[in-house]
Amino acid sequence: MASRRDLKKTVNYIAGELFTECLIHSLLFPTTDREKADELMAGILRTQDDFVKRISHTETGNAKGFYKKFRADFDAKVEEFVDAIGKLG
C-alpha cells in the first residue's frame, strides 16, 4: 500500500494535469465557453481539496475498504472531468 504522502502527491498531480488541460483548451480554442471552463476548473480544485482531505481521515479498522472506495470514487470523478473537458469545444 502506498503511503498517504504518495497518494496525496498523485491526487495533486492528476488534478493539476486536468486543470492545465482545461486551461489550455480554453485559451487555444476560441469557440470554448469561458464560463463553463472556469466552472470546470473551480470544480477540479474543489475535488482535489475534497480527496486530499479524505486521505487524511482514513477509516480505522477498514483501511482496505476505504482505499478501494477512494480509488473508485476518484477514478469516476477523473473520468467525469475528462468527459467535460472534451465537451468544452
N, C-alpha and C. Protein backbone atom coordinates (compact mmCIF):
# COMPACT_ATOMS: atom_id res chain seq x y z
N MET A 1 0.84 -1.18 0.00
CA MET A 1 0.00 0.00 0.00
C MET A 1 0.89 1.24 0.00
N ALA A 2 0.55 2.18 -0.79
CA ALA A 2 1.31 3.43 -0.89
C ALA A 2 1.10 4.28 0.36
N SER A 3 2.06 5.10 0.63
CA SER A 3 1.91 5.98 1.79
C SER A 3 0.91 7.08 1.48
N ARG A 4 0.40 7.68 2.51
CA ARG A 4 -0.56 8.78 2.33
C ARG A 4 0.07 9.93 1.57
N ARG A 5 1.32 10.20 1.85
CA ARG A 5 2.01 11.30 1.17
C ARG A 5 2.07 11.06 -0.34
N ASP A 6 2.41 9.83 -0.72
CA ASP A 6 2.47 9.50 -2.15
C ASP A 6 1.10 9.58 -2.79
N LEU A 7 0.08 9.15 -2.07
CA LEU A 7 -1.28 9.21 -2.59
C LEU A 7 -1.73 10.66 -2.77
N LYS A 8 -1.39 11.51 -1.82
CA LYS A 8 -1.72 12.94 -1.94
C LYS A 8 -0.99 13.56 -3.13
N LYS A 9 0.26 13.19 -3.33
CA LYS A 9 1.02 13.70 -4.47
C LYS A 9 0.37 13.27 -5.78
N THR A 10 -0.09 12.04 -5.83
CA THR A 10 -0.74 11.54 -7.04
C THR A 10 -2.04 12.29 -7.32
N VAL A 11 -2.84 12.50 -6.28
CA VAL A 11 -4.09 13.25 -6.44
C VAL A 11 -3.79 14.66 -6.92
N ASN A 12 -2.81 15.30 -6.32
CA ASN A 12 -2.44 16.67 -6.72
C ASN A 12 -1.92 16.72 -8.15
N TYR A 13 -1.14 15.73 -8.54
CA TYR A 13 -0.60 15.69 -9.90
C TYR A 13 -1.72 15.54 -10.93
N ILE A 14 -2.62 14.60 -10.68
CA ILE A 14 -3.71 14.36 -11.63
C ILE A 14 -4.62 15.58 -11.71
N ALA A 15 -4.93 16.18 -10.58
CA ALA A 15 -5.78 17.38 -10.58
C ALA A 15 -5.08 18.52 -11.31
N GLY A 16 -3.79 18.65 -11.12
CA GLY A 16 -3.03 19.68 -11.82
C GLY A 16 -3.04 19.48 -13.32
N GLU A 17 -2.91 18.24 -13.74
CA GLU A 17 -2.95 17.94 -15.17
C GLU A 17 -4.32 18.24 -15.77
N LEU A 18 -5.39 17.88 -15.05
CA LEU A 18 -6.74 18.17 -15.53
C LEU A 18 -6.97 19.68 -15.62
N PHE A 19 -6.51 20.41 -14.60
CA PHE A 19 -6.66 21.86 -14.58
C PHE A 19 -5.92 22.49 -15.76
N THR A 20 -4.69 22.04 -15.98
CA THR A 20 -3.88 22.56 -17.08
C THR A 20 -4.53 22.26 -18.43
N GLU A 21 -5.03 21.06 -18.59
CA GLU A 21 -5.68 20.68 -19.84
C GLU A 21 -6.90 21.57 -20.10
N CYS A 22 -7.66 21.83 -19.08
CA CYS A 22 -8.84 22.69 -19.22
C CYS A 22 -8.43 24.12 -19.54
N LEU A 23 -7.40 24.62 -18.89
CA LEU A 23 -6.92 25.97 -19.13
C LEU A 23 -6.39 26.12 -20.56
N ILE A 24 -5.59 25.17 -21.00
CA ILE A 24 -5.05 25.22 -22.35
C ILE A 24 -6.17 25.14 -23.38
N HIS A 25 -7.14 24.28 -23.12
CA HIS A 25 -8.27 24.15 -24.04
C HIS A 25 -9.02 25.47 -24.16
N SER A 26 -9.22 26.15 -23.04
CA SER A 26 -9.97 27.41 -23.07
C SER A 26 -9.17 28.54 -23.73
N LEU A 27 -7.84 28.47 -23.66
CA LEU A 27 -7.02 29.52 -24.25
C LEU A 27 -6.76 29.30 -25.75
N LEU A 28 -6.66 28.06 -26.16
CA LEU A 28 -6.29 27.78 -27.55
C LEU A 28 -7.47 27.72 -28.51
N PHE A 29 -8.63 27.36 -28.00
CA PHE A 29 -9.80 27.23 -28.87
C PHE A 29 -10.76 28.38 -28.63
N PRO A 30 -10.92 29.27 -29.59
CA PRO A 30 -11.76 30.45 -29.39
C PRO A 30 -13.25 30.13 -29.23
N THR A 31 -13.67 28.94 -29.64
CA THR A 31 -15.09 28.59 -29.52
C THR A 31 -15.46 28.08 -28.12
N THR A 32 -14.47 27.96 -27.26
CA THR A 32 -14.71 27.44 -25.92
C THR A 32 -15.49 28.45 -25.08
N ASP A 33 -16.50 27.97 -24.39
CA ASP A 33 -17.27 28.81 -23.47
C ASP A 33 -16.42 29.04 -22.21
N ARG A 34 -15.98 30.28 -22.03
CA ARG A 34 -15.07 30.59 -20.91
C ARG A 34 -15.72 30.36 -19.54
N GLU A 35 -17.00 30.65 -19.41
CA GLU A 35 -17.67 30.47 -18.12
C GLU A 35 -17.73 29.00 -17.74
N LYS A 36 -18.02 28.14 -18.70
CA LYS A 36 -18.04 26.70 -18.42
C LYS A 36 -16.65 26.20 -18.06
N ALA A 37 -15.66 26.71 -18.75
CA ALA A 37 -14.28 26.31 -18.47
C ALA A 37 -13.88 26.76 -17.07
N ASP A 38 -14.26 27.98 -16.69
CA ASP A 38 -13.94 28.47 -15.35
C ASP A 38 -14.64 27.65 -14.27
N GLU A 39 -15.90 27.30 -14.50
CA GLU A 39 -16.63 26.47 -13.55
C GLU A 39 -15.99 25.09 -13.43
N LEU A 40 -15.56 24.56 -14.56
CA LEU A 40 -14.92 23.25 -14.56
C LEU A 40 -13.60 23.29 -13.80
N MET A 41 -12.81 24.33 -14.01
CA MET A 41 -11.54 24.45 -13.29
C MET A 41 -11.77 24.61 -11.79
N ALA A 42 -12.79 25.36 -11.40
CA ALA A 42 -13.11 25.50 -9.98
C ALA A 42 -13.56 24.16 -9.40
N GLY A 43 -14.31 23.40 -10.18
CA GLY A 43 -14.74 22.07 -9.73
C GLY A 43 -13.56 21.13 -9.55
N ILE A 44 -12.59 21.23 -10.43
CA ILE A 44 -11.38 20.39 -10.31
C ILE A 44 -10.65 20.72 -9.02
N LEU A 45 -10.52 21.99 -8.71
CA LEU A 45 -9.82 22.39 -7.48
C LEU A 45 -10.58 21.96 -6.23
N ARG A 46 -11.91 22.09 -6.25
CA ARG A 46 -12.72 21.64 -5.10
C ARG A 46 -12.59 20.14 -4.90
N THR A 47 -12.61 19.41 -6.00
CA THR A 47 -12.48 17.95 -5.92
C THR A 47 -11.11 17.56 -5.39
N GLN A 48 -10.09 18.26 -5.82
CA GLN A 48 -8.74 17.99 -5.33
C GLN A 48 -8.70 18.17 -3.81
N ASP A 49 -9.23 19.26 -3.32
CA ASP A 49 -9.26 19.50 -1.88
C ASP A 49 -10.04 18.42 -1.14
N ASP A 50 -11.19 18.04 -1.68
CA ASP A 50 -12.02 17.01 -1.03
C ASP A 50 -11.29 15.68 -0.92
N PHE A 51 -10.63 15.27 -1.99
CA PHE A 51 -9.96 13.98 -1.97
C PHE A 51 -8.70 14.00 -1.10
N VAL A 52 -8.00 15.10 -1.06
CA VAL A 52 -6.83 15.19 -0.17
C VAL A 52 -7.30 15.13 1.28
N LYS A 53 -8.41 15.77 1.59
CA LYS A 53 -8.95 15.71 2.95
C LYS A 53 -9.38 14.29 3.30
N ARG A 54 -9.95 13.58 2.34
CA ARG A 54 -10.38 12.20 2.59
C ARG A 54 -9.19 11.31 2.91
N ILE A 55 -8.06 11.56 2.28
CA ILE A 55 -6.87 10.75 2.55
C ILE A 55 -6.44 10.92 4.00
N SER A 56 -6.56 12.13 4.51
CA SER A 56 -6.12 12.42 5.87
C SER A 56 -7.01 11.79 6.93
N HIS A 57 -8.21 11.40 6.57
CA HIS A 57 -9.17 10.86 7.54
C HIS A 57 -9.56 9.43 7.17
N THR A 58 -8.60 8.55 7.20
CA THR A 58 -8.82 7.15 6.85
C THR A 58 -9.65 6.48 7.95
N GLU A 59 -10.58 5.61 7.53
CA GLU A 59 -11.37 4.85 8.49
C GLU A 59 -10.47 3.85 9.22
N THR A 60 -10.56 3.85 10.51
CA THR A 60 -9.76 2.90 11.29
C THR A 60 -10.42 1.53 11.25
N GLY A 61 -9.63 0.51 11.06
CA GLY A 61 -10.13 -0.85 11.04
C GLY A 61 -10.63 -1.31 9.68
N ASN A 62 -10.79 -0.41 8.74
CA ASN A 62 -11.27 -0.78 7.41
C ASN A 62 -10.46 -0.05 6.34
N ALA A 63 -9.17 -0.05 6.49
CA ALA A 63 -8.31 0.70 5.57
C ALA A 63 -8.41 0.17 4.14
N LYS A 64 -8.45 -1.14 3.98
CA LYS A 64 -8.50 -1.71 2.64
C LYS A 64 -9.78 -1.30 1.92
N GLY A 65 -10.90 -1.40 2.59
CA GLY A 65 -12.18 -1.00 2.01
C GLY A 65 -12.23 0.49 1.73
N PHE A 66 -11.63 1.28 2.63
CA PHE A 66 -11.60 2.74 2.46
C PHE A 66 -10.85 3.12 1.19
N TYR A 67 -9.66 2.55 1.02
CA TYR A 67 -8.86 2.91 -0.15
C TYR A 67 -9.45 2.36 -1.45
N LYS A 68 -10.13 1.24 -1.37
CA LYS A 68 -10.79 0.69 -2.55
C LYS A 68 -11.91 1.63 -3.00
N LYS A 69 -12.72 2.10 -2.05
CA LYS A 69 -13.80 3.03 -2.37
C LYS A 69 -13.22 4.37 -2.81
N PHE A 70 -12.15 4.81 -2.17
CA PHE A 70 -11.49 6.06 -2.52
C PHE A 70 -11.04 6.03 -3.98
N ARG A 71 -10.40 4.95 -4.37
CA ARG A 71 -9.89 4.84 -5.74
C ARG A 71 -11.04 4.82 -6.76
N ALA A 72 -12.10 4.09 -6.44
CA ALA A 72 -13.24 4.02 -7.35
C ALA A 72 -13.89 5.40 -7.50
N ASP A 73 -14.05 6.11 -6.39
CA ASP A 73 -14.64 7.45 -6.43
C ASP A 73 -13.76 8.42 -7.22
N PHE A 74 -12.45 8.34 -6.97
CA PHE A 74 -11.52 9.24 -7.64
C PHE A 74 -11.48 8.97 -9.14
N ASP A 75 -11.44 7.70 -9.51
CA ASP A 75 -11.43 7.35 -10.94
C ASP A 75 -12.70 7.84 -11.63
N ALA A 76 -13.84 7.71 -10.96
CA ALA A 76 -15.10 8.17 -11.55
C ALA A 76 -15.09 9.68 -11.74
N LYS A 77 -14.57 10.42 -10.76
CA LYS A 77 -14.51 11.87 -10.87
C LYS A 77 -13.57 12.31 -11.98
N VAL A 78 -12.43 11.65 -12.09
CA VAL A 78 -11.46 11.99 -13.14
C VAL A 78 -12.09 11.75 -14.51
N GLU A 79 -12.77 10.64 -14.66
CA GLU A 79 -13.41 10.35 -15.94
C GLU A 79 -14.49 11.39 -16.25
N GLU A 80 -15.21 11.80 -15.24
CA GLU A 80 -16.23 12.84 -15.41
C GLU A 80 -15.61 14.15 -15.91
N PHE A 81 -14.48 14.52 -15.31
CA PHE A 81 -13.80 15.75 -15.73
C PHE A 81 -13.22 15.63 -17.14
N VAL A 82 -12.69 14.49 -17.48
CA VAL A 82 -12.14 14.29 -18.82
C VAL A 82 -13.25 14.41 -19.86
N ASP A 83 -14.39 13.83 -19.58
CA ASP A 83 -15.54 13.95 -20.50
C ASP A 83 -15.99 15.40 -20.62
N ALA A 84 -16.02 16.12 -19.49
CA ALA A 84 -16.46 17.52 -19.52
C ALA A 84 -15.47 18.39 -20.30
N ILE A 85 -14.18 18.12 -20.17
CA ILE A 85 -13.19 18.88 -20.92
C ILE A 85 -13.35 18.60 -22.41
N GLY A 86 -13.63 17.37 -22.75
CA GLY A 86 -13.85 17.02 -24.16
C GLY A 86 -15.05 17.70 -24.77
N LYS A 87 -16.04 18.02 -23.95
CA LYS A 87 -17.26 18.66 -24.45
C LYS A 87 -17.20 20.18 -24.42
N LEU A 88 -16.08 20.75 -23.98
CA LEU A 88 -15.97 22.21 -23.90
C LEU A 88 -16.03 22.87 -25.27
N GLY A 89 -15.43 22.26 -26.24
CA GLY A 89 -15.26 22.88 -27.54
C GLY A 89 -16.36 22.75 -28.48
